[in-house]
Protein backbone atom coordinates (compact mmCIF):
# COMPACT_ATOMS: atom_id res chain seq x y z
CA MET A 1 -52.21 19.06 296.32
CA ASN A 2 -53.06 16.24 298.71
CA ASP A 3 -54.03 13.02 296.92
CA GLN A 4 -55.15 11.23 300.10
CA LYS A 5 -58.47 9.51 299.65
CA THR A 6 -61.19 9.75 302.28
CA ALA A 7 -63.22 6.64 303.15
CA ILE A 8 -66.40 6.72 305.22
CA VAL A 9 -67.06 3.37 306.87
CA THR A 10 -70.49 3.12 308.47
CA GLY A 11 -70.56 0.50 311.17
CA GLY A 12 -66.80 0.93 311.26
CA ALA A 13 -66.31 0.54 315.01
CA LYS A 14 -66.23 -3.23 315.28
CA GLY A 15 -66.37 -6.51 313.43
CA LEU A 16 -66.22 -6.41 309.64
CA GLY A 17 -66.50 -2.61 309.61
CA LYS A 18 -63.46 -2.32 311.85
CA ALA A 19 -61.49 -4.67 309.61
CA ILE A 20 -62.48 -2.61 306.57
CA SER A 21 -61.47 0.61 308.38
CA GLU A 22 -58.07 -0.84 309.24
CA THR A 23 -57.52 -2.12 305.70
CA LEU A 24 -58.41 1.20 304.12
CA ALA A 25 -56.14 3.05 306.55
CA ALA A 26 -53.30 0.70 305.64
CA THR A 27 -53.68 1.78 302.00
CA GLY A 28 -53.19 5.40 303.03
CA ALA A 29 -56.79 6.58 303.16
CA LEU A 30 -58.14 8.96 305.78
CA VAL A 31 -60.80 6.78 307.37
CA VAL A 32 -63.95 8.18 308.93
CA VAL A 33 -65.02 5.53 311.41
CA ALA A 34 -68.76 6.25 311.56
CA ASP A 35 -70.88 4.36 314.04
CA MET A 36 -73.76 4.72 316.50
CA GLU A 37 -71.38 3.63 319.24
CA ILE A 38 -69.10 6.67 319.31
CA GLY A 39 -66.94 5.25 322.11
CA LYS A 40 -66.14 2.16 320.07
CA ALA A 41 -65.61 4.31 316.97
CA ARG A 42 -63.07 6.39 318.90
CA GLU A 43 -61.28 3.22 320.05
CA THR A 44 -61.00 2.03 316.44
CA ALA A 45 -59.84 5.44 315.18
CA ASP A 46 -57.30 5.66 318.01
CA SER A 47 -56.00 2.19 317.18
CA ILE A 48 -55.57 3.17 313.54
CA THR A 49 -53.77 6.41 314.34
CA GLY A 50 -51.63 4.60 316.91
CA GLN A 51 -50.38 2.40 314.07
CA GLY A 52 -49.54 5.42 311.92
CA GLY A 53 -52.78 5.60 309.93
CA ALA A 54 -55.19 8.49 309.59
CA ALA A 55 -58.64 8.14 311.12
CA VAL A 56 -61.36 10.10 312.86
CA ALA A 57 -64.44 8.88 314.69
CA MET A 58 -67.88 10.30 314.00
CA GLU A 59 -71.27 9.35 315.34
CA VAL A 60 -74.02 8.40 312.88
CA ASN A 61 -77.34 6.59 312.85
CA ILE A 62 -77.91 5.63 309.23
CA ALA A 63 -81.62 5.10 309.93
CA GLU A 64 -82.00 8.85 310.50
CA GLU A 65 -81.65 11.14 307.50
CA ALA A 66 -80.61 14.11 309.67
CA SER A 67 -77.80 12.05 311.20
CA VAL A 68 -76.50 11.00 307.78
CA LEU A 69 -76.65 14.60 306.53
CA ALA A 70 -74.75 15.79 309.62
CA LEU A 71 -72.10 13.13 308.97
CA TYR A 72 -71.77 14.25 305.36
CA GLN A 73 -71.41 17.89 306.36
CA ALA A 74 -68.77 17.05 308.98
CA VAL A 75 -66.78 14.95 306.51
CA LYS A 76 -67.10 17.64 303.83
CA ALA A 77 -65.60 20.18 306.28
CA LEU A 78 -62.76 17.75 307.02
CA SER A 79 -62.12 16.75 303.43
CA PRO A 80 -63.61 19.24 300.92
CA SER A 81 -63.04 16.91 297.95
CA VAL A 82 -65.72 14.52 299.24
């Protein structure tokens, strides 16, 4: 059984969200870097994985219910324990 935690960080591509993403990855969590700016989210996820952490980038607009639901479904497929 895999005990790795999954953390979804909205606004995780830059600033405080990026710092939170990096900190969670350093604790061993799989970090979902969720942001409207998918390019920046990918940069953050790539930086985390380049340092040995686990991260994926996903696009989300938290102001749109359909976008949040799509994020949840994608994360659930990636990490069924969510």
